[in-house]
PDB file of all heavy atoms in Angstrom:
ATOM      1  N   ILE A   1       3.089  -3.319  13.069  1.00  0.00           N
ATOM      2  CA  ILE A   1       4.544  -3.844  13.189  1.00  0.00           C
ATOM      3  C   ILE A   1       5.582  -2.858  12.984  1.00  0.00           C
ATOM      4  O   ILE A   1       5.418  -2.079  11.989  1.00  0.00           O
ATOM      5  CB  ILE A   1       4.755  -5.169  12.315  1.00  0.00           C
ATOM      6  CG1 ILE A   1       3.628  -6.157  12.542  1.00  0.00           C
ATOM      7  CG2 ILE A   1       6.135  -5.646  12.400  1.00  0.00           C
ATOM      8  CD1 ILE A   1       3.796  -7.350  11.568  1.00  0.00           C
ATOM      9  N   ARG A   2       6.579  -2.799  13.815  1.00  0.00           N
ATOM     10  CA  ARG A   2       7.667  -1.795  13.698  1.00  0.00           C
ATOM     11  C   ARG A   2       8.905  -2.480  13.267  1.00  0.00           C
ATOM     12  O   ARG A   2       9.182  -3.662  13.732  1.00  0.00           O
ATOM     13  CB  ARG A   2       7.915  -1.023  14.985  1.00  0.00           C
ATOM     14  CG  ARG A   2       8.835   0.134  14.890  1.00  0.00           C
ATOM     15  CD  ARG A   2       8.899   0.770  16.285  1.00  0.00           C
ATOM     16  NE  ARG A   2       7.561   1.310  16.623  1.00  0.00           N
ATOM     17  CZ  ARG A   2       7.081   2.575  16.244  1.00  0.00           C
ATOM     18  NH1 ARG A   2       7.805   3.326  15.485  1.00  0.00           N
ATOM     19  NH2 ARG A   2       5.971   2.996  16.691  1.00  0.00           N
ATOM     20  N   GLY A   3       9.593  -1.914  12.408  1.00  0.00           N
ATOM     21  CA  GLY A   3      10.871  -2.465  11.841  1.00  0.00           C
ATOM     22  C   GLY A   3      11.688  -1.523  10.976  1.00  0.00           C
ATOM     23  O   GLY A   3      11.420  -0.281  11.006  1.00  0.00           O
ATOM     24  N   THR A   4      12.558  -2.103  10.175  1.00  0.00           N
ATOM     25  CA  THR A   4      13.464  -1.255   9.386  1.00  0.00           C
ATOM     26  C   THR A   4      12.867  -1.362   7.886  1.00  0.00           C
ATOM     27  O   THR A   4      12.701  -2.395   7.244  1.00  0.00           O
ATOM     28  CB  THR A   4      14.899  -1.855   9.377  1.00  0.00           C
ATOM     29  OG1 THR A   4      15.380  -1.724  10.671  1.00  0.00           O
ATOM     30  CG2 THR A   4      15.803  -1.079   8.391  1.00  0.00           C
ATOM     31  N   LEU A   5      12.692  -0.166   7.368  1.00  0.00           N
ATOM     32  CA  LEU A   5      12.195  -0.030   5.888  1.00  0.00           C
ATOM     33  C   LEU A   5      13.376   0.155   4.910  1.00  0.00           C
ATOM     34  O   LEU A   5      14.240   1.089   5.202  1.00  0.00           O
ATOM     35  CB  LEU A   5      11.264   1.135   5.839  1.00  0.00           C
ATOM     36  CG  LEU A   5      10.488   1.318   4.529  1.00  0.00           C
ATOM     37  CD1 LEU A   5       9.454   0.206   4.249  1.00  0.00           C
ATOM     38  CD2 LEU A   5       9.926   2.644   4.360  1.00  0.00           C
ATOM     39  N   CYS A   6      13.468  -0.608   3.894  1.00  0.00           N
ATOM     40  CA  CYS A   6      14.391  -0.520   2.908  1.00  0.00           C
ATOM     41  C   CYS A   6      13.676  -0.288   1.569  1.00  0.00           C
ATOM     42  O   CYS A   6      12.683  -0.968   1.275  1.00  0.00           O
ATOM     43  CB  CYS A   6      15.336  -1.583   2.816  1.00  0.00           C
ATOM     44  SG  CYS A   6      16.385  -1.796   4.322  1.00  0.00           S
ATOM     45  N   ILE A   7      14.277   0.512   0.662  1.00  0.00           N
ATOM     46  CA  ILE A   7      13.799   0.623  -0.671  1.00  0.00           C
ATOM     47  C   ILE A   7      14.935   0.263  -1.636  1.00  0.00           C
ATOM     48  O   ILE A   7      15.943   0.724  -1.571  1.00  0.00           O
ATOM     49  CB  ILE A   7      13.279   2.072  -0.912  1.00  0.00           C
ATOM     50  CG1 ILE A   7      12.659   2.207  -2.343  1.00  0.00           C
ATOM     51  CG2 ILE A   7      14.284   3.154  -0.662  1.00  0.00           C
ATOM     52  CD1 ILE A   7      11.869   3.497  -2.515  1.00  0.00           C
ATOM     53  N   THR A   8      14.554  -0.609  -2.577  1.00  0.00           N
ATOM     54  CA  THR A   8      15.493  -1.000  -3.576  1.00  0.00           C
ATOM     55  C   THR A   8      14.961  -0.579  -4.969  1.00  0.00           C
ATOM     56  O   THR A   8      13.932   0.194  -5.058  1.00  0.00           O
ATOM     57  CB  THR A   8      15.603  -2.513  -3.660  1.00  0.00           C
ATOM     58  OG1 THR A   8      14.482  -3.198  -4.146  1.00  0.00           O
ATOM     59  CG2 THR A   8      15.969  -3.022  -2.227  1.00  0.00           C
ATOM     60  N   SER A   9      15.645  -0.895  -6.050  1.00  0.00           N
ATOM     61  CA  SER A   9      15.218  -0.338  -7.292  1.00  0.00           C
ATOM     62  C   SER A   9      13.812  -0.803  -7.715  1.00  0.00           C
ATOM     63  O   SER A   9      13.125  -0.200  -8.541  1.00  0.00           O
ATOM     64  CB  SER A   9      16.192  -0.959  -8.467  1.00  0.00           C
ATOM     65  OG  SER A   9      17.425  -0.445  -8.134  1.00  0.00           O
ATOM     66  N   HIS A  10      13.325  -1.974  -7.170  1.00  0.00           N
ATOM     67  CA  HIS A  10      12.049  -2.515  -7.610  1.00  0.00           C
ATOM     68  C   HIS A  10      11.109  -2.894  -6.467  1.00  0.00           C
ATOM     69  O   HIS A  10       9.974  -3.196  -6.571  1.00  0.00           O
ATOM     70  CB  HIS A  10      12.193  -3.708  -8.475  1.00  0.00           C
ATOM     71  CG  HIS A  10      12.880  -3.435  -9.878  1.00  0.00           C
ATOM     72  ND1 HIS A  10      14.232  -3.674 -10.063  1.00  0.00           N
ATOM     73  CD2 HIS A  10      12.349  -2.924 -11.000  1.00  0.00           C
ATOM     74  CE1 HIS A  10      14.480  -3.236 -11.314  1.00  0.00           C
ATOM     75  NE2 HIS A  10      13.395  -2.858 -11.825  1.00  0.00           N
ATOM     76  N   HIS A  11      11.755  -2.876  -5.162  1.00  0.00           N
ATOM     77  CA  HIS A  11      10.847  -3.389  -4.045  1.00  0.00           C
ATOM     78  C   HIS A  11      10.994  -2.430  -2.850  1.00  0.00           C
ATOM     79  O   HIS A  11      11.889  -1.694  -2.741  1.00  0.00           O
ATOM     80  CB  HIS A  11      11.304  -4.851  -3.563  1.00  0.00           C
ATOM     81  CG  HIS A  11      10.947  -5.925  -4.591  1.00  0.00           C
ATOM     82  ND1 HIS A  11      11.739  -6.341  -5.615  1.00  0.00           N
ATOM     83  CD2 HIS A  11       9.853  -6.714  -4.571  1.00  0.00           C
ATOM     84  CE1 HIS A  11      11.179  -7.293  -6.228  1.00  0.00           C
ATOM     85  NE2 HIS A  11       9.990  -7.574  -5.598  1.00  0.00           N
ATOM     86  N   LEU A  12       9.875  -2.546  -2.028  1.00  0.00           N
ATOM     87  CA  LEU A  12       9.839  -1.869  -0.803  1.00  0.00           C
ATOM     88  C   LEU A  12       9.820  -3.030   0.264  1.00  0.00           C
ATOM     89  O   LEU A  12       8.868  -3.773   0.231  1.00  0.00           O
ATOM     90  CB  LEU A  12       8.648  -0.992  -0.651  1.00  0.00           C
ATOM     91  CG  LEU A  12       8.561  -0.114   0.531  1.00  0.00           C
ATOM     92  CD1 LEU A  12       9.620   1.015   0.368  1.00  0.00           C
ATOM     93  CD2 LEU A  12       7.194   0.549   0.655  1.00  0.00           C
ATOM     94  N   LEU A  13      10.811  -3.014   1.097  1.00  0.00           N
ATOM     95  CA  LEU A  13      10.893  -4.146   2.111  1.00  0.00           C
ATOM     96  C   LEU A  13      10.800  -3.553   3.533  1.00  0.00           C
ATOM     97  O   LEU A  13      11.332  -2.455   3.827  1.00  0.00           O
ATOM     98  CB  LEU A  13      12.342  -4.738   1.887  1.00  0.00           C
ATOM     99  CG  LEU A  13      12.742  -5.097   0.533  1.00  0.00           C
ATOM    100  CD1 LEU A  13      14.215  -5.661   0.525  1.00  0.00           C
ATOM    101  CD2 LEU A  13      11.769  -6.104  -0.149  1.00  0.00           C
ATOM    102  N   LEU A  14      10.242  -4.398   4.406  1.00  0.00           N
ATOM    103  CA  LEU A  14      10.183  -4.035   5.869  1.00  0.00           C
ATOM    104  C   LEU A  14      10.541  -5.258   6.596  1.00  0.00           C
ATOM    105  O   LEU A  14       9.808  -6.273   6.444  1.00  0.00           O
ATOM    106  CB  LEU A  14       8.906  -3.400   6.254  1.00  0.00           C
ATOM    107  CG  LEU A  14       8.906  -2.841   7.721  1.00  0.00           C
ATOM    108  CD1 LEU A  14       8.194  -1.474   7.806  1.00  0.00           C
ATOM    109  CD2 LEU A  14       8.270  -3.771   8.734  1.00  0.00           C
ATOM    110  N   SER A  15      11.504  -5.217   7.448  1.00  0.00           N
ATOM    111  CA  SER A  15      11.990  -6.389   8.280  1.00  0.00           C
ATOM    112  C   SER A  15      11.839  -5.980   9.797  1.00  0.00           C
ATOM    113  O   SER A  15      12.251  -4.946  10.167  1.00  0.00           O
ATOM    114  CB  SER A  15      13.438  -6.740   7.934  1.00  0.00           C
ATOM    115  OG  SER A  15      13.818  -7.754   8.978  1.00  0.00           O
ATOM    116  N   PRO A  16      11.166  -6.852  10.534  1.00  0.00           N
ATOM    117  CA  PRO A  16      11.074  -6.502  11.934  1.00  0.00           C
ATOM    118  C   PRO A  16      12.368  -6.553  12.779  1.00  0.00           C
ATOM    119  O   PRO A  16      12.529  -6.096  13.818  1.00  0.00           O
ATOM    120  CB  PRO A  16      10.105  -7.552  12.444  1.00  0.00           C
ATOM    121  CG  PRO A  16      10.279  -8.782  11.529  1.00  0.00           C
ATOM    122  CD  PRO A  16      10.619  -8.230  10.119  1.00  0.00           C
ATOM    123  N   ARG A  17      13.428  -7.221  12.131  1.00  0.00           N
ATOM    124  CA  ARG A  17      14.639  -7.431  12.792  1.00  0.00           C
ATOM    125  C   ARG A  17      15.700  -6.384  12.281  1.00  0.00           C
ATOM    126  O   ARG A  17      16.796  -6.370  12.814  1.00  0.00           O
ATOM    127  CB  ARG A  17      15.338  -8.883  12.549  1.00  0.00           C
ATOM    128  CG  ARG A  17      14.359  -9.940  13.181  1.00  0.00           C
ATOM    129  CD  ARG A  17      15.009 -11.257  13.102  1.00  0.00           C
ATOM    130  NE  ARG A  17      15.206 -11.719  11.752  1.00  0.00           N
ATOM    131  CZ  ARG A  17      14.348 -12.447  11.196  1.00  0.00           C
ATOM    132  NH1 ARG A  17      13.167 -12.723  11.710  1.00  0.00           N
ATOM    133  NH2 ARG A  17      14.587 -12.875   9.899  1.00  0.00           N
ATOM    134  N   GLY A  18      15.387  -5.675  11.152  1.00  0.00           N
ATOM    135  CA  GLY A  18      16.318  -4.790  10.688  1.00  0.00           C
ATOM    136  C   GLY A  18      17.385  -5.320   9.793  1.00  0.00           C
ATOM    137  O   GLY A  18      17.531  -6.572   9.685  1.00  0.00           O
ATOM    138  N   GLY A  19      18.048  -4.485   9.125  1.00  0.00           N
ATOM    139  CA  GLY A  19      19.237  -4.937   8.288  1.00  0.00           C
ATOM    140  C   GLY A  19      18.723  -5.618   7.003  1.00  0.00           C
ATOM    141  O   GLY A  19      19.435  -6.475   6.449  1.00  0.00           O
ATOM    142  N   ALA A  20      17.596  -5.264   6.491  1.00  0.00           N
ATOM    143  CA  ALA A  20      17.089  -6.001   5.303  1.00  0.00           C
ATOM    144  C   ALA A  20      17.907  -5.467   4.088  1.00  0.00           C
ATOM    145  O   ALA A  20      18.171  -4.251   3.931  1.00  0.00           O
ATOM    146  CB  ALA A  20      15.538  -5.702   5.100  1.00  0.00           C
ATOM    147  N   THR A  21      18.155  -6.349   3.146  1.00  0.00           N
ATOM    148  CA  THR A  21      18.752  -6.015   1.890  1.00  0.00           C
ATOM    149  C   THR A  21      18.019  -6.547   0.794  1.00  0.00           C
ATOM    150  O   THR A  21      17.157  -7.393   0.959  1.00  0.00           O
ATOM    151  CB  THR A  21      20.256  -6.557   1.812  1.00  0.00           C
ATOM    152  OG1 THR A  21      20.179  -7.959   1.868  1.00  0.00           O
ATOM    153  CG2 THR A  21      21.030  -5.980   3.004  1.00  0.00           C
ATOM    154  N   GLU A  22      18.303  -6.232  -0.511  1.00  0.00           N
ATOM    155  CA  GLU A  22      17.612  -6.780  -1.641  1.00  0.00           C
ATOM    156  C   GLU A  22      17.867  -8.250  -1.731  1.00  0.00           C
ATOM    157  O   GLU A  22      16.982  -8.940  -2.313  1.00  0.00           O
ATOM    158  CB  GLU A  22      18.098  -6.050  -2.910  1.00  0.00           C
ATOM    159  CG  GLU A  22      17.246  -6.396  -4.024  1.00  0.00           C
ATOM    160  CD  GLU A  22      17.581  -5.434  -5.279  1.00  0.00           C
ATOM    161  OE1 GLU A  22      18.428  -4.701  -5.251  1.00  0.00           O
ATOM    162  OE2 GLU A  22      16.813  -5.641  -6.247  1.00  0.00           O
ATOM    163  N   GLU A  23      18.934  -8.716  -1.266  1.00  0.00           N
ATOM    164  CA  GLU A  23      19.225 -10.133  -1.282  1.00  0.00           C
ATOM    165  C   GLU A  23      18.638 -10.892  -0.104  1.00  0.00           C
ATOM    166  O   GLU A  23      18.710 -12.107   0.040  1.00  0.00           O
ATOM    167  CB  GLU A  23      20.698 -10.442  -1.201  1.00  0.00           C
ATOM    168  CG  GLU A  23      21.479 -10.035  -2.551  1.00  0.00           C
ATOM    169  CD  GLU A  23      21.631  -8.449  -2.620  1.00  0.00           C
ATOM    170  OE1 GLU A  23      21.555  -7.850  -1.522  1.00  0.00           O
ATOM    171  OE2 GLU A  23      21.859  -7.967  -3.755  1.00  0.00           O
ATOM    172  N   GLY A  24      17.906 -10.228   0.779  1.00  0.00           N
ATOM    173  CA  GLY A  24      17.260 -10.894   1.927  1.00  0.00           C
ATOM    174  C   GLY A  24      16.209 -11.824   1.503  1.00  0.00           C
ATOM    175  O   GLY A  24      15.670 -11.722   0.508  1.00  0.00           O
ATOM    176  N   LYS A  25      15.898 -12.834   2.334  1.00  0.00           N
ATOM    177  CA  LYS A  25      14.905 -13.817   2.038  1.00  0.00           C
ATOM    178  C   LYS A  25      13.554 -13.149   2.288  1.00  0.00           C
ATOM    179  O   LYS A  25      13.278 -12.454   3.213  1.00  0.00           O
ATOM    180  CB  LYS A  25      15.081 -15.009   2.987  1.00  0.00           C
ATOM    181  CG  LYS A  25      16.385 -15.777   2.825  1.00  0.00           C
ATOM    182  CD  LYS A  25      16.411 -16.960   3.705  1.00  0.00           C
ATOM    183  CE  LYS A  25      17.712 -17.803   3.472  1.00  0.00           C
ATOM    184  NZ  LYS A  25      17.873 -18.929   4.404  1.00  0.00           N
ATOM    185  N   GLN A  26      12.703 -13.558   1.303  1.00  0.00           N
ATOM    186  CA  GLN A  26      11.254 -12.984   1.321  1.00  0.00           C
ATOM    187  C   GLN A  26      10.567 -13.417   2.596  1.00  0.00           C
ATOM    188  O   GLN A  26       9.757 -12.618   3.182  1.00  0.00           O
ATOM    189  CB  GLN A  26      10.522 -13.480   0.090  1.00  0.00           C
ATOM    190  CG  GLN A  26       9.061 -12.857   0.050  1.00  0.00           C
ATOM    191  CD  GLN A  26       8.442 -13.159  -1.331  1.00  0.00           C
ATOM    192  OE1 GLN A  26       9.165 -13.739  -2.132  1.00  0.00           O
ATOM    193  NE2 GLN A  26       7.207 -12.944  -1.444  1.00  0.00           N
ATOM    194  N   GLU A  27      10.752 -14.558   3.067  1.00  0.00           N
ATOM    195  CA  GLU A  27      10.034 -15.067   4.275  1.00  0.00           C
ATOM    196  C   GLU A  27      10.485 -14.233   5.516  1.00  0.00           C
ATOM    197  O   GLU A  27       9.745 -14.328   6.591  1.00  0.00           O
ATOM    198  CB  GLU A  27      10.173 -16.542   4.475  1.00  0.00           C
ATOM    199  CG  GLU A  27      11.654 -17.080   4.427  1.00  0.00           C
ATOM    200  CD  GLU A  27      12.000 -17.438   3.047  1.00  0.00           C
ATOM    201  OE1 GLU A  27      11.462 -16.901   2.078  1.00  0.00           O
ATOM    202  OE2 GLU A  27      12.834 -18.379   2.958  1.00  0.00           O
ATOM    203  N   ASP A  28      11.619 -13.658   5.483  1.00  0.00           N
ATOM    204  CA  ASP A  28      12.086 -12.762   6.684  1.00  0.00           C
ATOM    205  C   ASP A  28      11.406 -11.507   6.675  1.00  0.00           C
ATOM    206  O   ASP A  28      11.610 -10.689   7.653  1.00  0.00           O
ATOM    207  CB  ASP A  28      13.556 -12.711   6.569  1.00  0.00           C
ATOM    208  CG  ASP A  28      14.307 -13.969   6.824  1.00  0.00           C
ATOM    209  OD1 ASP A  28      13.769 -14.940   7.342  1.00  0.00           O
ATOM    210  OD2 ASP A  28      15.500 -14.043   6.418  1.00  0.00           O
ATOM    211  N   MET A  29      10.657 -11.150   5.624  1.00  0.00           N
ATOM    212  CA  MET A  29      10.126  -9.715   5.537  1.00  0.00           C
ATOM    213  C   MET A  29       8.643  -9.765   5.934  1.00  0.00           C
ATOM    214  O   MET A  29       7.899 -10.589   5.611  1.00  0.00           O
ATOM    215  CB  MET A  29      10.213  -9.319   4.073  1.00  0.00           C
ATOM    216  CG  MET A  29      11.692  -9.271   3.506  1.00  0.00           C
ATOM    217  SD  MET A  29      12.756  -8.168   4.369  1.00  0.00           S
ATOM    218  CE  MET A  29      14.332  -8.737   3.638  1.00  0.00           C
ATOM    219  N   VAL A  30       8.285  -8.650   6.614  1.00  0.00           N
ATOM    220  CA  VAL A  30       6.919  -8.414   6.805  1.00  0.00           C
ATOM    221  C   VAL A  30       6.215  -7.868   5.654  1.00  0.00           C
ATOM    222  O   VAL A  30       5.053  -8.128   5.321  1.00  0.00           O
ATOM    223  CB  VAL A  30       6.769  -7.487   8.147  1.00  0.00           C
ATOM    224  CG1 VAL A  30       5.324  -7.112   8.339  1.00  0.00           C
ATOM    225  CG2 VAL A  30       7.270  -8.090   9.384  1.00  0.00           C
ATOM    226  N   LEU A  31       7.011  -7.057   4.942  1.00  0.00           N
ATOM    227  CA  LEU A  31       6.589  -6.430   3.703  1.00  0.00           C
ATOM    228  C   LEU A  31       7.518  -6.703   2.590  1.00  0.00           C
ATOM    229  O   LEU A  31       8.668  -6.415   2.743  1.00  0.00           O
ATOM    230  CB  LEU A  31       6.335  -4.866   3.916  1.00  0.00           C
ATOM    231  CG  LEU A  31       5.942  -4.144   2.656  1.00  0.00           C
ATOM    232  CD1 LEU A  31       4.477  -4.516   2.246  1.00  0.00           C
ATOM    233  CD2 LEU A  31       5.925  -2.642   2.944  1.00  0.00           C
ATOM    234  N   TRP A  32       7.060  -7.186   1.494  1.00  0.00           N
ATOM    235  CA  TRP A  32       7.811  -7.420   0.322  1.00  0.00           C
ATOM    236  C   TRP A  32       6.934  -7.017  -0.871  1.00  0.00           C
ATOM    237  O   TRP A  32       6.287  -7.752  -1.515  1.00  0.00           O
ATOM    238  CB  TRP A  32       8.270  -8.914   0.151  1.00  0.00           C
ATOM    239  CG  TRP A  32       9.070  -9.208  -0.943  1.00  0.00           C
ATOM    240  CD1 TRP A  32       8.854  -9.317  -2.232  1.00  0.00           C
ATOM    241  CD2 TRP A  32      10.524  -9.518  -0.821  1.00  0.00           C
ATOM    242  NE1 TRP A  32       9.948  -9.644  -3.043  1.00  0.00           N
ATOM    243  CE2 TRP A  32      10.968  -9.763  -2.230  1.00  0.00           C
ATOM    244  CE3 TRP A  32      11.470  -9.588   0.125  1.00  0.00           C
ATOM    245  CZ2 TRP A  32      12.284 -10.191  -2.481  1.00  0.00           C
ATOM    246  CZ3 TRP A  32      12.760  -9.964  -0.149  1.00  0.00           C
ATOM    247  CH2 TRP A  32      13.147 -10.247  -1.458  1.00  0.00           C
ATOM    248  N   LEU A  33       7.043  -5.643  -1.151  1.00  0.00           N
ATOM    249  CA  LEU A  33       6.138  -5.102  -2.093  1.00  0.00           C
ATOM    250  C   LEU A  33       6.774  -4.651  -3.348  1.00  0.00           C
ATOM    251  O   LEU A  33       7.723  -3.852  -3.401  1.00  0.00           O
ATOM    252  CB  LEU A  33       5.399  -3.766  -1.480  1.00  0.00           C
ATOM    253  CG  LEU A  33       4.400  -3.085  -2.373  1.00  0.00           C
ATOM    254  CD1 LEU A  33       3.255  -3.895  -2.666  1.00  0.00           C
ATOM    255  CD2 LEU A  33       3.986  -1.706  -1.674  1.00  0.00           C
ATOM    256  N   LEU A  34       6.403  -5.189  -4.529  1.00  0.00           N
ATOM    257  CA  LEU A  34       6.857  -4.781  -5.808  1.00  0.00           C
ATOM    258  C   LEU A  34       6.386  -3.376  -6.018  1.00  0.00           C
ATOM    259  O   LEU A  34       5.179  -3.047  -6.005  1.00  0.00           O
ATOM    260  CB  LEU A  34       6.372  -5.703  -6.952  1.00  0.00           C
ATOM    261  CG  LEU A  34       6.905  -5.574  -8.307  1.00  0.00           C
ATOM    262  CD1 LEU A  34       8.412  -5.823  -8.334  1.00  0.00           C
ATOM    263  CD2 LEU A  34       6.243  -6.474  -9.337  1.00  0.00           C
ATOM    264  N   LEU A  35       7.296  -2.441  -6.308  1.00  0.00           N
ATOM    265  CA  LEU A  35       6.894  -1.055  -6.415  1.00  0.00           C
ATOM    266  C   LEU A  35       5.974  -0.777  -7.616  1.00  0.00           C
ATOM    267  O   LEU A  35       5.153   0.129  -7.537  1.00  0.00           O
ATOM    268  CB  LEU A  35       8.181  -0.126  -6.533  1.00  0.00           C
ATOM    269  CG  LEU A  35       9.075  -0.131  -5.319  1.00  0.00           C
ATOM    270  CD1 LEU A  35      10.346   0.671  -5.618  1.00  0.00           C
ATOM    271  CD2 LEU A  35       8.264   0.568  -4.194  1.00  0.00           C
TER     272      LEU A  35
END
């Protein structure tokens, strides 16, 4: 799956639609990984 990767203080997030933020919904993420 291709998307936008974001890194926050505690998580690694990947969203297929892009524009993911730390306040984004978990179900919108392909990847929601606690670092």
